[in-house]
N, C-alpha and C. Protein backbone atom coordinates (compact mmCIF):
# COMPACT_ATOMS: atom_id res chain seq x y z
N MET A 1 -29.97 -2.06 -24.72
CA MET A 1 -29.25 -1.24 -23.77
C MET A 1 -27.78 -1.68 -23.76
N ASP A 2 -26.87 -0.72 -23.83
CA ASP A 2 -25.46 -1.09 -23.82
C ASP A 2 -24.96 -1.24 -22.38
N PHE A 3 -23.74 -1.72 -22.25
CA PHE A 3 -23.21 -2.04 -20.91
C PHE A 3 -23.03 -0.80 -20.04
N ALA A 4 -22.61 0.32 -20.61
CA ALA A 4 -22.47 1.54 -19.82
C ALA A 4 -23.83 1.99 -19.30
N GLU A 5 -24.86 1.89 -20.14
CA GLU A 5 -26.21 2.25 -19.70
C GLU A 5 -26.70 1.31 -18.61
N ARG A 6 -26.43 0.02 -18.76
CA ARG A 6 -26.82 -0.94 -17.72
C ARG A 6 -26.15 -0.59 -16.40
N ALA A 7 -24.87 -0.26 -16.47
CA ALA A 7 -24.15 0.11 -15.25
C ALA A 7 -24.77 1.34 -14.60
N ARG A 8 -25.15 2.30 -15.43
CA ARG A 8 -25.73 3.54 -14.90
C ARG A 8 -27.03 3.28 -14.14
N THR A 9 -27.77 2.24 -14.50
CA THR A 9 -29.02 1.93 -13.78
C THR A 9 -28.74 1.47 -12.35
N LEU A 10 -27.50 1.07 -12.07
CA LEU A 10 -27.13 0.59 -10.72
C LEU A 10 -26.62 1.69 -9.81
N VAL A 11 -26.36 2.88 -10.35
CA VAL A 11 -25.86 3.98 -9.54
C VAL A 11 -26.85 4.26 -8.41
N GLY A 12 -26.32 4.36 -7.21
CA GLY A 12 -27.15 4.58 -6.02
C GLY A 12 -27.41 3.31 -5.24
N THR A 13 -27.17 2.14 -5.85
CA THR A 13 -27.36 0.88 -5.14
C THR A 13 -26.41 0.84 -3.95
N ARG A 14 -26.88 0.35 -2.85
CA ARG A 14 -26.09 0.26 -1.62
C ARG A 14 -24.88 -0.66 -1.82
N PHE A 15 -23.76 -0.30 -1.22
CA PHE A 15 -22.58 -1.15 -1.23
C PHE A 15 -22.73 -2.23 -0.16
N ARG A 16 -22.40 -3.46 -0.54
CA ARG A 16 -22.36 -4.55 0.43
C ARG A 16 -21.27 -5.51 -0.01
N PRO A 17 -20.31 -5.83 0.87
CA PRO A 17 -19.26 -6.76 0.49
C PRO A 17 -19.85 -8.08 0.00
N GLN A 18 -19.39 -8.52 -1.15
CA GLN A 18 -19.84 -9.74 -1.81
C GLN A 18 -21.32 -9.72 -2.16
N GLY A 19 -21.89 -8.53 -2.25
CA GLY A 19 -23.30 -8.37 -2.61
C GLY A 19 -23.55 -8.64 -4.07
N ARG A 20 -24.69 -9.26 -4.34
CA ARG A 20 -25.04 -9.70 -5.69
C ARG A 20 -26.47 -9.33 -6.09
N SER A 21 -27.10 -8.41 -5.37
CA SER A 21 -28.50 -8.11 -5.66
C SER A 21 -28.78 -6.62 -5.45
N ALA A 22 -30.01 -6.24 -5.73
CA ALA A 22 -30.43 -4.85 -5.55
C ALA A 22 -30.32 -4.38 -4.10
N GLU A 23 -30.27 -5.33 -3.16
CA GLU A 23 -30.13 -4.97 -1.75
C GLU A 23 -28.72 -4.50 -1.42
N GLY A 24 -27.75 -4.80 -2.28
CA GLY A 24 -26.38 -4.36 -2.07
C GLY A 24 -25.43 -5.09 -3.00
N MET A 25 -24.40 -4.37 -3.46
CA MET A 25 -23.43 -4.95 -4.39
C MET A 25 -22.03 -4.46 -4.07
N ASP A 26 -21.06 -5.31 -4.39
CA ASP A 26 -19.68 -4.87 -4.41
C ASP A 26 -19.28 -4.73 -5.88
N CYS A 27 -18.00 -4.49 -6.16
CA CYS A 27 -17.62 -4.26 -7.55
C CYS A 27 -17.85 -5.49 -8.43
N ILE A 28 -17.66 -6.67 -7.88
CA ILE A 28 -17.91 -7.89 -8.66
C ILE A 28 -19.41 -8.05 -8.91
N GLY A 29 -20.23 -7.75 -7.92
CA GLY A 29 -21.68 -7.80 -8.10
C GLY A 29 -22.14 -6.86 -9.20
N VAL A 30 -21.56 -5.67 -9.27
CA VAL A 30 -21.89 -4.72 -10.34
C VAL A 30 -21.52 -5.33 -11.69
N ALA A 31 -20.32 -5.88 -11.80
CA ALA A 31 -19.88 -6.48 -13.06
C ALA A 31 -20.79 -7.63 -13.48
N LEU A 32 -21.15 -8.49 -12.54
CA LEU A 32 -22.03 -9.61 -12.86
C LEU A 32 -23.37 -9.12 -13.40
N ALA A 33 -23.94 -8.12 -12.73
CA ALA A 33 -25.24 -7.59 -13.15
C ALA A 33 -25.16 -6.91 -14.51
N VAL A 34 -24.14 -6.12 -14.73
CA VAL A 34 -24.02 -5.37 -15.98
C VAL A 34 -23.82 -6.30 -17.17
N PHE A 35 -22.97 -7.31 -17.00
CA PHE A 35 -22.60 -8.15 -18.13
C PHE A 35 -23.37 -9.47 -18.21
N GLY A 36 -24.30 -9.68 -17.30
CA GLY A 36 -25.15 -10.86 -17.36
C GLY A 36 -24.43 -12.16 -17.06
N VAL A 37 -23.41 -12.10 -16.26
CA VAL A 37 -22.69 -13.32 -15.87
C VAL A 37 -23.45 -13.94 -14.70
N PRO A 38 -23.79 -15.22 -14.78
CA PRO A 38 -24.53 -15.86 -13.68
C PRO A 38 -23.75 -15.80 -12.36
N VAL A 39 -24.41 -15.39 -11.29
CA VAL A 39 -23.74 -15.22 -10.01
C VAL A 39 -23.12 -16.51 -9.50
N GLU A 40 -23.68 -17.65 -9.85
CA GLU A 40 -23.13 -18.92 -9.36
C GLU A 40 -21.79 -19.27 -10.00
N GLU A 41 -21.38 -18.52 -11.03
CA GLU A 41 -20.09 -18.78 -11.67
C GLU A 41 -18.92 -18.13 -10.93
N VAL A 42 -19.22 -17.28 -9.96
CA VAL A 42 -18.16 -16.60 -9.21
C VAL A 42 -18.33 -16.93 -7.74
N ARG A 43 -17.26 -17.41 -7.15
CA ARG A 43 -17.31 -17.74 -5.72
C ARG A 43 -17.75 -16.54 -4.90
N ARG A 44 -18.53 -16.79 -3.89
CA ARG A 44 -18.95 -15.71 -2.98
C ARG A 44 -17.93 -15.48 -1.88
N ASP A 45 -17.04 -16.43 -1.66
CA ASP A 45 -16.09 -16.30 -0.57
C ASP A 45 -14.74 -15.73 -1.03
N TYR A 46 -14.72 -15.13 -2.22
CA TYR A 46 -13.48 -14.57 -2.70
C TYR A 46 -13.12 -13.31 -1.91
N ARG A 47 -11.90 -12.93 -2.05
CA ARG A 47 -11.45 -11.64 -1.52
C ARG A 47 -10.61 -11.01 -2.60
N LEU A 48 -10.79 -9.73 -2.84
CA LEU A 48 -9.97 -9.05 -3.83
C LEU A 48 -8.67 -8.58 -3.19
N ARG A 49 -8.34 -9.17 -2.07
CA ARG A 49 -7.06 -8.92 -1.41
C ARG A 49 -6.26 -10.21 -1.44
N GLY A 50 -4.98 -10.08 -1.40
CA GLY A 50 -4.13 -11.26 -1.38
C GLY A 50 -3.81 -11.73 -2.78
N ASP A 51 -3.41 -12.96 -2.90
CA ASP A 51 -2.93 -13.50 -4.17
C ASP A 51 -4.09 -14.13 -4.96
N HIS A 52 -5.02 -13.29 -5.42
CA HIS A 52 -6.17 -13.79 -6.16
C HIS A 52 -6.20 -13.27 -7.58
N GLU A 53 -5.14 -12.59 -7.99
CA GLU A 53 -5.13 -11.99 -9.32
C GLU A 53 -5.20 -13.05 -10.41
N THR A 54 -4.50 -14.15 -10.27
CA THR A 54 -4.54 -15.21 -11.28
C THR A 54 -5.95 -15.78 -11.40
N GLU A 55 -6.59 -16.04 -10.27
CA GLU A 55 -7.96 -16.57 -10.28
C GLU A 55 -8.91 -15.57 -10.92
N MET A 56 -8.74 -14.29 -10.61
CA MET A 56 -9.60 -13.24 -11.17
C MET A 56 -9.43 -13.18 -12.69
N ARG A 57 -8.21 -13.23 -13.16
CA ARG A 57 -7.98 -13.17 -14.61
C ARG A 57 -8.55 -14.40 -15.32
N PHE A 58 -8.44 -15.55 -14.71
CA PHE A 58 -9.00 -16.78 -15.29
C PHE A 58 -10.53 -16.64 -15.42
N CYS A 59 -11.16 -16.17 -14.37
CA CYS A 59 -12.61 -16.00 -14.36
C CYS A 59 -13.03 -14.98 -15.43
N LEU A 60 -12.30 -13.88 -15.53
CA LEU A 60 -12.61 -12.87 -16.54
C LEU A 60 -12.48 -13.43 -17.95
N ALA A 61 -11.48 -14.29 -18.17
CA ALA A 61 -11.24 -14.85 -19.50
C ALA A 61 -12.39 -15.73 -19.99
N LEU A 62 -13.21 -16.23 -19.08
CA LEU A 62 -14.35 -17.06 -19.49
C LEU A 62 -15.42 -16.26 -20.22
N HIS A 63 -15.57 -14.99 -19.88
CA HIS A 63 -16.66 -14.17 -20.43
C HIS A 63 -16.18 -12.94 -21.19
N PHE A 64 -14.91 -12.63 -21.08
CA PHE A 64 -14.38 -11.41 -21.67
C PHE A 64 -13.12 -11.70 -22.47
N ARG A 65 -12.80 -10.79 -23.35
CA ARG A 65 -11.50 -10.85 -24.00
C ARG A 65 -10.72 -9.61 -23.59
N ARG A 66 -9.45 -9.78 -23.42
CA ARG A 66 -8.61 -8.66 -22.99
C ARG A 66 -8.31 -7.78 -24.20
N VAL A 67 -8.37 -6.48 -23.98
CA VAL A 67 -8.03 -5.52 -25.03
C VAL A 67 -6.96 -4.57 -24.48
N PRO A 68 -6.17 -3.96 -25.35
CA PRO A 68 -5.16 -3.01 -24.86
C PRO A 68 -5.81 -1.84 -24.12
N ALA A 69 -5.18 -1.41 -23.06
CA ALA A 69 -5.72 -0.30 -22.26
C ALA A 69 -5.88 0.96 -23.09
N THR A 70 -5.08 1.11 -24.13
CA THR A 70 -5.19 2.29 -25.00
C THR A 70 -6.48 2.26 -25.83
N GLN A 71 -7.15 1.11 -25.88
CA GLN A 71 -8.39 0.98 -26.65
C GLN A 71 -9.63 0.93 -25.77
N VAL A 72 -9.52 1.29 -24.49
CA VAL A 72 -10.66 1.26 -23.59
C VAL A 72 -11.77 2.15 -24.15
N ARG A 73 -13.01 1.65 -24.06
CA ARG A 73 -14.17 2.40 -24.54
C ARG A 73 -15.34 2.17 -23.58
N PRO A 74 -16.37 3.01 -23.67
CA PRO A 74 -17.54 2.83 -22.80
C PRO A 74 -18.09 1.40 -22.91
N GLY A 75 -18.39 0.83 -21.75
CA GLY A 75 -18.90 -0.53 -21.69
C GLY A 75 -17.85 -1.57 -21.42
N ASP A 76 -16.58 -1.17 -21.41
CA ASP A 76 -15.51 -2.12 -21.08
C ASP A 76 -15.37 -2.25 -19.57
N LEU A 77 -14.86 -3.40 -19.15
CA LEU A 77 -14.60 -3.66 -17.73
C LEU A 77 -13.13 -3.37 -17.46
N MET A 78 -12.88 -2.52 -16.48
CA MET A 78 -11.51 -2.14 -16.14
C MET A 78 -11.09 -2.82 -14.85
N LEU A 79 -9.92 -3.43 -14.86
CA LEU A 79 -9.34 -4.05 -13.67
C LEU A 79 -8.27 -3.11 -13.15
N MET A 80 -8.42 -2.67 -11.90
CA MET A 80 -7.51 -1.70 -11.30
C MET A 80 -6.83 -2.28 -10.07
N ARG A 81 -5.66 -1.75 -9.79
CA ARG A 81 -4.96 -2.14 -8.57
C ARG A 81 -5.15 -1.02 -7.55
N VAL A 82 -5.86 -1.34 -6.47
CA VAL A 82 -6.13 -0.36 -5.42
C VAL A 82 -4.95 -0.29 -4.44
N ALA A 83 -4.38 -1.43 -4.16
CA ALA A 83 -3.21 -1.52 -3.27
C ALA A 83 -2.39 -2.71 -3.76
N MET A 84 -1.23 -2.89 -3.19
CA MET A 84 -0.34 -3.97 -3.62
C MET A 84 -1.06 -5.31 -3.69
N ASP A 85 -1.96 -5.56 -2.74
CA ASP A 85 -2.65 -6.85 -2.69
C ASP A 85 -4.16 -6.71 -2.81
N GLN A 86 -4.63 -5.66 -3.50
CA GLN A 86 -6.07 -5.46 -3.63
C GLN A 86 -6.44 -4.98 -5.03
N LEU A 87 -7.44 -5.66 -5.63
CA LEU A 87 -7.94 -5.32 -6.96
C LEU A 87 -9.34 -4.73 -6.88
N HIS A 88 -9.75 -4.08 -7.96
CA HIS A 88 -11.07 -3.46 -8.03
C HIS A 88 -11.48 -3.44 -9.50
N VAL A 89 -12.77 -3.55 -9.79
CA VAL A 89 -13.25 -3.45 -11.17
C VAL A 89 -14.29 -2.35 -11.29
N GLY A 90 -14.36 -1.78 -12.48
CA GLY A 90 -15.34 -0.74 -12.79
C GLY A 90 -15.69 -0.80 -14.26
N VAL A 91 -16.83 -0.24 -14.62
CA VAL A 91 -17.30 -0.21 -16.00
C VAL A 91 -17.06 1.18 -16.57
N ARG A 92 -16.32 1.24 -17.65
CA ARG A 92 -16.02 2.52 -18.30
C ARG A 92 -17.29 3.11 -18.89
N THR A 93 -17.45 4.42 -18.74
CA THR A 93 -18.56 5.16 -19.36
C THR A 93 -17.97 6.30 -20.18
N GLU A 94 -18.82 7.04 -20.85
CA GLU A 94 -18.36 8.19 -21.64
C GLU A 94 -17.77 9.27 -20.74
N ARG A 95 -18.26 9.35 -19.51
CA ARG A 95 -17.85 10.41 -18.58
C ARG A 95 -16.81 9.98 -17.56
N GLY A 96 -16.66 8.67 -17.37
CA GLY A 96 -15.76 8.18 -16.33
C GLY A 96 -15.90 6.68 -16.17
N PHE A 97 -16.24 6.26 -14.94
CA PHE A 97 -16.45 4.83 -14.72
C PHE A 97 -17.40 4.61 -13.55
N ILE A 98 -18.12 3.49 -13.59
CA ILE A 98 -19.09 3.14 -12.57
C ILE A 98 -18.54 1.97 -11.79
N HIS A 99 -18.62 2.10 -10.45
CA HIS A 99 -18.07 1.06 -9.58
C HIS A 99 -18.74 1.13 -8.21
N ALA A 100 -18.57 0.08 -7.45
CA ALA A 100 -19.08 0.05 -6.07
C ALA A 100 -18.02 0.70 -5.19
N HIS A 101 -18.35 1.82 -4.60
CA HIS A 101 -17.41 2.60 -3.79
C HIS A 101 -17.61 2.26 -2.32
N ALA A 102 -16.68 1.52 -1.75
CA ALA A 102 -16.81 1.09 -0.35
C ALA A 102 -16.86 2.28 0.61
N GLY A 103 -16.08 3.30 0.35
CA GLY A 103 -16.04 4.47 1.23
C GLY A 103 -17.34 5.25 1.23
N LEU A 104 -17.97 5.38 0.08
CA LEU A 104 -19.23 6.10 -0.03
C LEU A 104 -20.43 5.20 0.23
N ARG A 105 -20.17 3.88 0.31
CA ARG A 105 -21.19 2.87 0.63
C ARG A 105 -22.30 2.78 -0.41
N ARG A 106 -21.94 3.02 -1.69
CA ARG A 106 -22.92 2.88 -2.77
C ARG A 106 -22.20 2.78 -4.11
N VAL A 107 -22.97 2.40 -5.14
CA VAL A 107 -22.45 2.37 -6.51
C VAL A 107 -22.50 3.80 -7.03
N VAL A 108 -21.39 4.24 -7.62
CA VAL A 108 -21.27 5.62 -8.08
C VAL A 108 -20.66 5.67 -9.48
N GLU A 109 -20.87 6.81 -10.15
CA GLU A 109 -20.14 7.09 -11.38
C GLU A 109 -19.11 8.16 -11.05
N THR A 110 -17.86 7.79 -11.17
CA THR A 110 -16.76 8.70 -10.88
C THR A 110 -16.30 9.31 -12.21
N PRO A 111 -16.24 10.64 -12.29
CA PRO A 111 -15.82 11.26 -13.55
C PRO A 111 -14.33 11.04 -13.84
N GLY A 112 -13.99 11.07 -15.12
CA GLY A 112 -12.59 10.96 -15.53
C GLY A 112 -12.08 9.53 -15.50
N SER A 113 -10.77 9.43 -15.50
CA SER A 113 -10.11 8.12 -15.46
C SER A 113 -9.83 7.73 -14.01
N PRO A 114 -9.69 6.44 -13.76
CA PRO A 114 -9.39 6.00 -12.39
C PRO A 114 -8.06 6.57 -11.91
N GLU A 115 -8.01 6.93 -10.64
CA GLU A 115 -6.75 7.37 -10.03
C GLU A 115 -5.82 6.19 -9.80
N ARG A 116 -6.40 5.02 -9.62
CA ARG A 116 -5.62 3.80 -9.37
C ARG A 116 -5.07 3.26 -10.68
N PRO A 117 -3.96 2.55 -10.62
CA PRO A 117 -3.39 1.99 -11.85
C PRO A 117 -4.34 1.01 -12.54
N LEU A 118 -4.50 1.20 -13.82
CA LEU A 118 -5.30 0.31 -14.64
C LEU A 118 -4.39 -0.82 -15.09
N ILE A 119 -4.72 -2.05 -14.67
CA ILE A 119 -3.82 -3.15 -15.00
C ILE A 119 -4.33 -4.01 -16.14
N ALA A 120 -5.61 -3.90 -16.50
CA ALA A 120 -6.14 -4.63 -17.64
C ALA A 120 -7.52 -4.09 -18.01
N VAL A 121 -7.87 -4.26 -19.28
CA VAL A 121 -9.18 -3.88 -19.78
C VAL A 121 -9.77 -5.10 -20.47
N TYR A 122 -11.05 -5.34 -20.20
CA TYR A 122 -11.73 -6.50 -20.76
C TYR A 122 -13.00 -6.06 -21.47
N ARG A 123 -13.31 -6.74 -22.58
CA ARG A 123 -14.52 -6.49 -23.35
C ARG A 123 -15.33 -7.77 -23.38
N LYS A 124 -16.62 -7.66 -23.19
CA LYS A 124 -17.51 -8.83 -23.14
C LYS A 124 -17.43 -9.59 -24.46
N ARG A 125 -17.29 -10.89 -24.35
CA ARG A 125 -17.28 -11.75 -25.54
C ARG A 125 -18.68 -11.81 -26.13
N ARG A 126 -18.77 -11.83 -27.43
CA ARG A 126 -20.06 -12.01 -28.10
C ARG A 126 -20.38 -13.48 -28.13
N LYS A 127 -21.63 -13.82 -27.95
CA LYS A 127 -22.03 -15.24 -27.94
C LYS A 127 -22.20 -15.76 -29.32
């Protein structure tokens, strides 16, 4: 199963801040589940608000390699800027991207490209 397909299996999962299980997930929980990153490798007390971009990029670099945004493809992890001090991640699919939508309170597949600025694209490192 590829990463976009794995992400699609999570669509409909309830949104829960800092959620890491089938009972509820946030965008980081979705990424951990899709890419098989152990949950204990990511702090649970993080906030995607404030000055955490450096920490987020460091954590991503452990399991992913950065690729140019022009080369984004299904199964890649997209890092977006939601607000000046807030980040969000989603998994690119053939039709759009899958992410934990706080407003809709569930994991969804949004068609097309993100409306928010795409600040980086990451591809899972091969072991």
